[in-house]
Amino acid sequence: HYRWPGWLERIDAAKLVRSMSRKASSQDNAACEGFFGRLTTEFFYPRDWRTFTPAQFIDEVDAYIRWYNETRIKMSLGGRSPIEYVKASA
């Protein structure tokens, strides 16, 4: 589906660069795959989205991503959020 002409047109229109790894090189996609796994498990599946408008859904996804990047505490980062960890490392 990533080679579908409609998708390629949208990528080109948005001036995005596709990231393509070598065949059987899953390390390139590991972080994304992990995030989307958590997104679907923690955010998408536990809710009934039928009553949400597309705009409400987008707002909810945005809030989840902000929480995930800015507020969520990770013990592997010393009990800090990813943003706190990056700021402390800089």
PDB file of N, CA and C in Angstrom:
ATOM      1  N   HIS A   1       0.801  -1.207   0.000  1.00  0.00           N
ATOM      2  CA  HIS A   1       0.000   0.000   0.000  1.00  0.00           C
ATOM      3  C   HIS A   1       0.845   1.273   0.000  1.00  0.00           C
ATOM      4  N   TYR A   2       2.116   1.166   0.341  1.00  0.00           N
ATOM      5  CA  TYR A   2       2.979   2.345   0.310  1.00  0.00           C
ATOM      6  C   TYR A   2       3.428   2.698  -1.100  1.00  0.00           C
ATOM      7  N   ARG A   3       3.119   1.840  -2.048  1.00  0.00           N
ATOM      8  CA  ARG A   3       3.447   2.131  -3.447  1.00  0.00           C
ATOM      9  C   ARG A   3       2.197   2.507  -4.237  1.00  0.00           C
ATOM     10  N   TRP A   4       1.061   2.607  -3.576  1.00  0.00           N
ATOM     11  CA  TRP A   4      -0.190   2.989  -4.227  1.00  0.00           C
ATOM     12  C   TRP A   4      -0.056   4.403  -4.796  1.00  0.00           C
ATOM     13  N   PRO A   5      -0.403   4.604  -6.059  1.00  0.00           N
ATOM     14  CA  PRO A   5      -0.225   5.926  -6.681  1.00  0.00           C
ATOM     15  C   PRO A   5      -0.897   7.067  -5.911  1.00  0.00           C
ATOM     16  N   GLY A   6      -2.063   6.829  -5.345  1.00  0.00           N
ATOM     17  CA  GLY A   6      -2.738   7.882  -4.565  1.00  0.00           C
ATOM     18  C   GLY A   6      -1.925   8.304  -3.349  1.00  0.00           C
ATOM     19  N   TRP A   7      -1.301   7.326  -2.690  1.00  0.00           N
ATOM     20  CA  TRP A   7      -0.449   7.627  -1.533  1.00  0.00           C
ATOM     21  C   TRP A   7       0.776   8.412  -1.970  1.00  0.00           C
ATOM     22  N   LEU A   8       1.395   7.983  -3.054  1.00  0.00           N
ATOM     23  CA  LEU A   8       2.586   8.673  -3.556  1.00  0.00           C
ATOM     24  C   LEU A   8       2.267  10.112  -3.944  1.00  0.00           C
ATOM     25  N   GLU A   9       1.099  10.330  -4.539  1.00  0.00           N
ATOM     26  CA  GLU A   9       0.694  11.696  -4.891  1.00  0.00           C
ATOM     27  C   GLU A   9       0.529  12.554  -3.642  1.00  0.00           C
ATOM     28  N   ARG A  10      -0.058  11.986  -2.596  1.00  0.00           N
ATOM     29  CA  ARG A  10      -0.242  12.744  -1.347  1.00  0.00           C
ATOM     30  C   ARG A  10       1.103  13.082  -0.708  1.00  0.00           C
ATOM     31  N   ILE A  11       2.011  12.147  -0.718  1.00  0.00           N
ATOM     32  CA  ILE A  11       3.347  12.393  -0.165  1.00  0.00           C
ATOM     33  C   ILE A  11       4.038  13.512  -0.940  1.00  0.00           C
ATOM     34  N   ASP A  12       3.954  13.441  -2.264  1.00  0.00           N
ATOM     35  CA  ASP A  12       4.568  14.483  -3.098  1.00  0.00           C
ATOM     36  C   ASP A  12       3.917  15.842  -2.861  1.00  0.00           C
ATOM     37  N   ALA A  13       2.589  15.874  -2.767  1.00  0.00           N
ATOM     38  CA  ALA A  13       1.870  17.137  -2.549  1.00  0.00           C
ATOM     39  C   ALA A  13       2.244  17.770  -1.212  1.00  0.00           C
ATOM     40  N   ALA A  14       2.506  16.939  -0.200  1.00  0.00           N
ATOM     41  CA  ALA A  14       2.879  17.444   1.124  1.00  0.00           C
ATOM     42  C   ALA A  14       4.372  17.730   1.226  1.00  0.00           C
ATOM     43  N   LYS A  15       5.108  17.475   0.129  1.00  0.00           N
ATOM     44  CA  LYS A  15       6.559  17.683   0.087  1.00  0.00           C
ATOM     45  C   LYS A  15       7.280  16.876   1.175  1.00  0.00           C
ATOM     46  N   LEU A  16       6.834  15.635   1.368  1.00  0.00           N
ATOM     47  CA  LEU A  16       7.450  14.743   2.347  1.00  0.00           C
ATOM     48  C   LEU A  16       8.436  13.823   1.641  1.00  0.00           C
ATOM     49  N   VAL A  17       9.407  13.356   2.387  1.00  0.00           N
ATOM     50  CA  VAL A  17      10.373  12.411   1.861  1.00  0.00           C
ATOM     51  C   VAL A  17      10.087  11.058   2.512  1.00  0.00           C
ATOM     52  N   ARG A  18       9.878  10.054   1.687  1.00  0.00           N
ATOM     53  CA  ARG A  18       9.617   8.726   2.232  1.00  0.00           C
ATOM     54  C   ARG A  18      10.901   8.117   2.753  1.00  0.00           C
ATOM     55  N   SER A  19      10.795   7.397   3.849  1.00  0.00           N
ATOM     56  CA  SER A  19      11.925   6.696   4.424  1.00  0.00           C
ATOM     57  C   SER A  19      11.811   5.231   4.031  1.00  0.00           C
ATOM     58  N   MET A  20      12.765   4.771   3.290  1.00  0.00           N
ATOM     59  CA  MET A  20      12.738   3.387   2.834  1.00  0.00           C
ATOM     60  C   MET A  20      14.022   2.709   3.292  1.00  0.00           C
ATOM     61  N   SER A  21      13.876   1.634   4.045  1.00  0.00           N
ATOM     62  CA  SER A  21      15.052   0.901   4.491  1.00  0.00           C
ATOM     63  C   SER A  21      15.314  -0.276   3.558  1.00  0.00           C
ATOM     64  N   ARG A  22      16.445  -0.878   3.742  1.00  0.00           N
ATOM     65  CA  ARG A  22      16.749  -2.076   2.958  1.00  0.00           C
ATOM     66  C   ARG A  22      15.786  -3.189   3.332  1.00  0.00           C
ATOM     67  N   LYS A  23      15.605  -4.110   2.450  1.00  0.00           N
ATOM     68  CA  LYS A  23      14.775  -5.272   2.712  1.00  0.00           C
ATOM     69  C   LYS A  23      15.323  -6.008   3.939  1.00  0.00           C
ATOM     70  N   ALA A  24      14.437  -6.393   4.833  1.00  0.00           N
ATOM     71  CA  ALA A  24      14.770  -7.129   6.060  1.00  0.00           C
ATOM     72  C   ALA A  24      15.595  -6.309   7.039  1.00  0.00           C
ATOM     73  N   SER A  25      15.487  -4.992   7.004  1.00  0.00           N
ATOM     74  CA  SER A  25      16.198  -4.119   7.933  1.00  0.00           C
ATOM     75  C   SER A  25      15.179  -3.432   8.834  1.00  0.00           C
ATOM     76  N   SER A  26      14.630  -4.187   9.751  1.00  0.00           N
ATOM     77  CA  SER A  26      13.535  -3.671  10.569  1.00  0.00           C
ATOM     78  C   SER A  26      13.975  -2.660  11.624  1.00  0.00           C
ATOM     79  N   GLN A  27      15.275  -2.536  11.874  1.00  0.00           N
ATOM     80  CA  GLN A  27      15.732  -1.582  12.881  1.00  0.00           C
ATOM     81  C   GLN A  27      15.311  -0.166  12.534  1.00  0.00           C
ATOM     82  N   ASP A  28      15.247   0.150  11.247  1.00  0.00           N
ATOM     83  CA  ASP A  28      14.874   1.490  10.823  1.00  0.00           C
ATOM     84  C   ASP A  28      13.455   1.849  11.262  1.00  0.00           C
ATOM     85  N   ASN A  29      12.584   0.863  11.327  1.00  0.00           N
ATOM     86  CA  ASN A  29      11.182   1.121  11.631  1.00  0.00           C
ATOM     87  C   ASN A  29      10.790   0.748  13.056  1.00  0.00           C
ATOM     88  N   ALA A  30      11.721   0.271  13.851  1.00  0.00           N
ATOM     89  CA  ALA A  30      11.396  -0.246  15.180  1.00  0.00           C
ATOM     90  C   ALA A  30      10.735   0.800  16.067  1.00  0.00           C
ATOM     91  N   ALA A  31      11.259   2.009  16.100  1.00  0.00           N
ATOM     92  CA  ALA A  31      10.682   3.046  16.968  1.00  0.00           C
ATOM     93  C   ALA A  31       9.262   3.387  16.540  1.00  0.00           C
ATOM     94  N   CYS A  32       9.051   3.526  15.248  1.00  0.00           N
ATOM     95  CA  CYS A  32       7.705   3.830  14.743  1.00  0.00           C
ATOM     96  C   CYS A  32       6.740   2.689  15.017  1.00  0.00           C
ATOM     97  N   GLU A  33       7.181   1.473  14.755  1.00  0.00           N
ATOM     98  CA  GLU A  33       6.318   0.317  14.981  1.00  0.00           C
ATOM     99  C   GLU A  33       5.948   0.214  16.461  1.00  0.00           C
ATOM    100  N   GLY A  34       6.905   0.460  17.341  1.00  0.00           N
ATOM    101  CA  GLY A  34       6.620   0.433  18.782  1.00  0.00           C
ATOM    102  C   GLY A  34       5.618   1.490  19.182  1.00  0.00           C
ATOM    103  N   PHE A  35       5.795   2.708  18.662  1.00  0.00           N
ATOM    104  CA  PHE A  35       4.863   3.786  18.993  1.00  0.00           C
ATOM    105  C   PHE A  35       3.458   3.465  18.492  1.00  0.00           C
ATOM    106  N   PHE A  36       3.337   3.032  17.227  1.00  0.00           N
ATOM    107  CA  PHE A  36       2.007   2.755  16.692  1.00  0.00           C
ATOM    108  C   PHE A  36       1.356   1.566  17.384  1.00  0.00           C
ATOM    109  N   GLY A  37       2.147   0.626  17.854  1.00  0.00           N
ATOM    110  CA  GLY A  37       1.600  -0.472  18.647  1.00  0.00           C
ATOM    111  C   GLY A  37       0.991   0.034  19.941  1.00  0.00           C
ATOM    112  N   ARG A  38       1.703   0.930  20.624  1.00  0.00           N
ATOM    113  CA  ARG A  38       1.181   1.516  21.857  1.00  0.00           C
ATOM    114  C   ARG A  38      -0.044   2.394  21.572  1.00  0.00           C
ATOM    115  N   LEU A  39       0.036   3.168  20.511  1.00  0.00           N
ATOM    116  CA  LEU A  39      -1.078   4.043  20.142  1.00  0.00           C
ATOM    117  C   LEU A  39      -2.355   3.231  19.956  1.00  0.00           C
ATOM    118  N   THR A  40      -2.270   2.154  19.224  1.00  0.00           N
ATOM    119  CA  THR A  40      -3.477   1.363  18.987  1.00  0.00           C
ATOM    120  C   THR A  40      -3.939   0.654  20.252  1.00  0.00           C
ATOM    121  N   THR A  41      -3.013   0.122  21.036  1.00  0.00           N
ATOM    122  CA  THR A  41      -3.380  -0.615  22.241  1.00  0.00           C
ATOM    123  C   THR A  41      -3.899   0.297  23.354  1.00  0.00           C
ATOM    124  N   GLU A  42      -3.200   1.381  23.616  1.00  0.00           N
ATOM    125  CA  GLU A  42      -3.551   2.261  24.737  1.00  0.00           C
ATOM    126  C   GLU A  42      -4.610   3.296  24.382  1.00  0.00           C
ATOM    127  N   PHE A  43      -4.616   3.731  23.150  1.00  0.00           N
ATOM    128  CA  PHE A  43      -5.456   4.868  22.773  1.00  0.00           C
ATOM    129  C   PHE A  43      -6.655   4.475  21.920  1.00  0.00           C
ATOM    130  N   PHE A  44      -6.428   3.739  20.850  1.00  0.00           N
ATOM    131  CA  PHE A  44      -7.490   3.499  19.878  1.00  0.00           C
ATOM    132  C   PHE A  44      -8.478   2.425  20.310  1.00  0.00           C
ATOM    133  N   TYR A  45      -7.993   1.227  20.602  1.00  0.00           N
ATOM    134  CA  TYR A  45      -8.887   0.101  20.868  1.00  0.00           C
ATOM    135  C   TYR A  45      -9.752   0.240  22.128  1.00  0.00           C
ATOM    136  N   PRO A  46      -9.278   0.860  23.201  1.00  0.00           N
ATOM    137  CA  PRO A  46     -10.128   0.920  24.398  1.00  0.00           C
ATOM    138  C   PRO A  46     -11.351   1.841  24.277  1.00  0.00           C
ATOM    139  N   ARG A  47     -11.493   2.582  23.205  1.00  0.00           N
ATOM    140  CA  ARG A  47     -12.586   3.560  23.093  1.00  0.00           C
ATOM    141  C   ARG A  47     -13.548   3.193  21.969  1.00  0.00           C
ATOM    142  N   ASP A  48     -14.742   3.725  22.099  1.00  0.00           N
ATOM    143  CA  ASP A  48     -15.734   3.618  21.026  1.00  0.00           C
ATOM    144  C   ASP A  48     -15.717   4.962  20.302  1.00  0.00           C
ATOM    145  N   TRP A  49     -15.183   4.985  19.102  1.00  0.00           N
ATOM    146  CA  TRP A  49     -14.958   6.221  18.356  1.00  0.00           C
ATOM    147  C   TRP A  49     -16.144   6.636  17.495  1.00  0.00           C
ATOM    148  N   ARG A  50     -17.232   5.874  17.518  1.00  0.00           N
ATOM    149  CA  ARG A  50     -18.355   6.153  16.618  1.00  0.00           C
ATOM    150  C   ARG A  50     -19.020   7.505  16.859  1.00  0.00           C
ATOM    151  N   THR A  51     -18.944   8.020  18.067  1.00  0.00           N
ATOM    152  CA  THR A  51     -19.594   9.301  18.360  1.00  0.00           C
ATOM    153  C   THR A  51     -18.681  10.503  18.140  1.00  0.00           C
ATOM    154  N   PHE A  52     -17.436  10.262  17.781  1.00  0.00           N
ATOM    155  CA  PHE A  52     -16.477  11.349  17.582  1.00  0.00           C
ATOM    156  C   PHE A  52     -16.510  11.837  16.141  1.00  0.00           C
ATOM    157  N   THR A  53     -16.397  13.129  15.973  1.00  0.00           N
ATOM    158  CA  THR A  53     -16.251  13.696  14.634  1.00  0.00           C
ATOM    159  C   THR A  53     -14.786  13.526  14.221  1.00  0.00           C
ATOM    160  N   PRO A  54     -14.489  13.644  12.942  1.00  0.00           N
ATOM    161  CA  PRO A  54     -13.074  13.580  12.537  1.00  0.00           C
ATOM    162  C   PRO A  54     -12.216  14.635  13.250  1.00  0.00           C
ATOM    163  N   ALA A  55     -12.742  15.828  13.427  1.00  0.00           N
ATOM    164  CA  ALA A  55     -11.974  16.881  14.111  1.00  0.00           C
ATOM    165  C   ALA A  55     -11.719  16.507  15.570  1.00  0.00           C
ATOM    166  N   GLN A  56     -12.711  15.933  16.240  1.00  0.00           N
ATOM    167  CA  GLN A  56     -12.523  15.505  17.625  1.00  0.00           C
ATOM    168  C   GLN A  56     -11.488  14.394  17.716  1.00  0.00           C
ATOM    169  N   PHE A  57     -11.548  13.461  16.763  1.00  0.00           N
ATOM    170  CA  PHE A  57     -10.586  12.366  16.744  1.00  0.00           C
ATOM    171  C   PHE A  57      -9.166  12.910  16.570  1.00  0.00           C
ATOM    172  N   ILE A  58      -8.990  13.849  15.655  1.00  0.00           N
ATOM    173  CA  ILE A  58      -7.671  14.450  15.428  1.00  0.00           C
ATOM    174  C   ILE A  58      -7.184  15.146  16.689  1.00  0.00           C
ATOM    175  N   ASP A  59      -8.070  15.859  17.371  1.00  0.00           N
ATOM    176  CA  ASP A  59      -7.692  16.521  18.629  1.00  0.00           C
ATOM    177  C   ASP A  59      -7.258  15.507  19.682  1.00  0.00           C
ATOM    178  N   GLU A  60      -7.957  14.380  19.756  1.00  0.00           N
ATOM    179  CA  GLU A  60      -7.615  13.338  20.728  1.00  0.00           C
ATOM    180  C   GLU A  60      -6.267  12.691  20.399  1.00  0.00           C
ATOM    181  N   VAL A  61      -6.027  12.427  19.130  1.00  0.00           N
ATOM    182  CA  VAL A  61      -4.728  11.860  18.725  1.00  0.00           C
ATOM    183  C   VAL A  61      -3.615  12.845  19.055  1.00  0.00           C
ATOM    184  N   ASP A  62      -3.840  14.120  18.765  1.00  0.00           N
ATOM    185  CA  ASP A  62      -2.839  15.146  19.064  1.00  0.00           C
ATOM    186  C   ASP A  62      -2.544  15.194  20.563  1.00  0.00           C
ATOM    187  N   ALA A  63      -3.591  15.137  21.382  1.00  0.00           N
ATOM    188  CA  ALA A  63      -3.402  15.170  22.839  1.00  0.00           C
ATOM    189  C   ALA A  63      -2.623  13.940  23.309  1.00  0.00           C
ATOM    190  N   TYR A  64      -2.911  12.777  22.734  1.00  0.00           N
ATOM    191  CA  TYR A  64      -2.182  11.561  23.114  1.00  0.00           C
ATOM    192  C   TYR A  64      -0.703  11.686  22.753  1.00  0.00           C
ATOM    193  N   ILE A  65      -0.433  12.154  21.554  1.00  0.00           N
ATOM    194  CA  ILE A  65       0.968  12.280  21.117  1.00  0.00           C
ATOM    195  C   ILE A  65       1.705  13.290  21.984  1.00  0.00           C
ATOM    196  N   ARG A  66       1.051  14.394  22.331  1.00  0.00           N
ATOM    197  CA  ARG A  66       1.690  15.378  23.221  1.00  0.00           C
ATOM    198  C   ARG A  66       1.969  14.760  24.588  1.00  0.00           C
ATOM    199  N   TRP A  67       0.998  14.019  25.131  1.00  0.00           N
ATOM    200  CA  TRP A  67       1.210  13.343  26.416  1.00  0.00           C
ATOM    201  C   TRP A  67       2.377  12.364  26.302  1.00  0.00           C
ATOM    202  N   TYR A  68       2.384  11.585  25.235  1.00  0.00           N
ATOM    203  CA  TYR A  68       3.408  10.566  25.031  1.00  0.00           C
ATOM    204  C   TYR A  68       4.803  11.189  24.984  1.00  0.00           C
ATOM    205  N   ASN A  69       4.945  12.325  24.329  1.00  0.00           N
ATOM    206  CA  ASN A  69       6.252  12.966  24.171  1.00  0.00           C
ATOM    207  C   ASN A  69       6.637  13.890  25.311  1.00  0.00           C
ATOM    208  N   GLU A  70       5.659  14.498  25.962  1.00  0.00           N
ATOM    209  CA  GLU A  70       5.970  15.569  26.906  1.00  0.00           C
ATOM    210  C   GLU A  70       5.733  15.232  28.369  1.00  0.00           C
ATOM    211  N   THR A  71       4.809  14.348  28.674  1.00  0.00           N
ATOM    212  CA  THR A  71       4.395  14.144  30.054  1.00  0.00           C
ATOM    213  C   THR A  71       4.662  12.740  30.582  1.00  0.00           C
ATOM    214  N   ARG A  72       4.540  11.751  29.735  1.00  0.00           N
ATOM    215  CA  ARG A  72       4.654  10.342  30.123  1.00  0.00           C
ATOM    216  C   ARG A  72       5.982  10.089  30.816  1.00  0.00           C
ATOM    217  N   ILE A  73       5.920   9.438  31.954  1.00  0.00           N
ATOM    218  CA  ILE A  73       7.113   9.122  32.732  1.00  0.00           C
ATOM    219  C   ILE A  73       7.648   7.758  32.304  1.00  0.00           C
ATOM    220  N   LYS A  74       8.948   7.692  32.079  1.00  0.00           N
ATOM    221  CA  LYS A  74       9.586   6.427  31.716  1.00  0.00           C
ATOM    222  C   LYS A  74      10.679   6.126  32.733  1.00  0.00           C
ATOM    223  N   MET A  75      10.620   4.958  33.320  1.00  0.00           N
ATOM    224  CA  MET A  75      11.643   4.576  34.289  1.00  0.00           C
ATOM    225  C   MET A  75      13.009   4.429  33.617  1.00  0.00           C
ATOM    226  N   SER A  76      13.021   4.016  32.349  1.00  0.00           N
ATOM    227  CA  SER A  76      14.297   3.870  31.646  1.00  0.00           C
ATOM    228  C   SER A  76      14.971   5.224  31.393  1.00  0.00           C
ATOM    229  N   LEU A  77      14.228   6.308  31.568  1.00  0.00           N
ATOM    230  CA  LEU A  77      14.793   7.655  31.434  1.00  0.00           C
ATOM    231  C   LEU A  77      14.994   8.294  32.806  1.00  0.00           C
ATOM    232  N   GLY A  78      15.119   7.464  33.808  1.00  0.00           N
ATOM    233  CA  GLY A  78      15.357   7.968  35.160  1.00  0.00           C
ATOM    234  C   GLY A  78      14.121   8.578  35.795  1.00  0.00           C
ATOM    235  N   GLY A  79      12.947   8.086  35.448  1.00  0.00           N
ATOM    236  CA  GLY A  79      11.705   8.604  36.023  1.00  0.00           C
ATOM    237  C   GLY A  79      11.316   9.962  35.462  1.00  0.00           C
ATOM    238  N   ARG A  80      11.850  10.286  34.294  1.00  0.00           N
ATOM    239  CA  ARG A  80      11.535  11.565  33.654  1.00  0.00           C
ATOM    240  C   ARG A  80      10.733  11.325  32.384  1.00  0.00           C
ATOM    241  N   SER A  81      10.125  12.414  31.918  1.00  0.00           N
ATOM    242  CA  SER A  81       9.441  12.357  30.620  1.00  0.00           C
ATOM    243  C   SER A  81      10.496  12.458  29.532  1.00  0.00           C
ATOM    244  N   PRO A  82      10.145  12.059  28.303  1.00  0.00           N
ATOM    245  CA  PRO A  82      11.128  12.194  27.220  1.00  0.00           C
ATOM    246  C   PRO A  82      11.638  13.628  27.040  1.00  0.00           C
ATOM    247  N   ILE A  83      10.772  14.602  27.176  1.00  0.00           N
ATOM    248  CA  ILE A  83      11.187  16.013  27.036  1.00  0.00           C
ATOM    249  C   ILE A  83      12.143  16.401  28.158  1.00  0.00           C
ATOM    250  N   GLU A  84      11.830  16.002  29.407  1.00  0.00           N
ATOM    251  CA  GLU A  84      12.728  16.309  30.527  1.00  0.00           C
ATOM    252  C   GLU A  84      14.088  15.657  30.318  1.00  0.00           C
ATOM    253  N   TYR A  85      14.081  14.435  29.816  1.00  0.00           N
ATOM    254  CA  TYR A  85      15.324  13.710  29.595  1.00  0.00           C
ATOM    255  C   TYR A  85      16.189  14.425  28.544  1.00  0.00           C
ATOM    256  N   VAL A  86      15.580  14.848  27.466  1.00  0.00           N
ATOM    257  CA  VAL A  86      16.324  15.542  26.406  1.00  0.00           C
ATOM    258  C   VAL A  86      16.877  16.857  26.916  1.00  0.00           C
ATOM    259  N   LYS A  87      16.076  17.604  27.665  1.00  0.00           N
ATOM    260  CA  LYS A  87      16.546  18.883  28.210  1.00  0.00           C
ATOM    261  C   LYS A  87      17.699  18.694  29.168  1.00  0.00           C
ATOM    262  N   ALA A  88      17.636  17.641  29.989  1.00  0.00           N
ATOM    263  CA  ALA A  88      18.713  17.378  30.962  1.00  0.00           C
ATOM    264  C   ALA A  88      19.982  16.910  30.274  1.00  0.00           C
ATOM    265  N   SER A  89      19.836  16.273  29.122  1.00  0.00           N
ATOM    266  CA  SER A  89      20.994  15.755  28.398  1.00  0.00           C
ATOM    267  C   SER A  89      21.686  16.823  27.554  1.00  0.00           C
ATOM    268  N   ALA A  90      20.987  17.919  27.283  1.00  0.00           N
ATOM    269  CA  ALA A  90      21.532  18.954  26.390  1.00  0.00           C
ATOM    270  C   ALA A  90      22.568  19.815  27.052  1.00  0.00           C
TER     271      ALA A  90
END
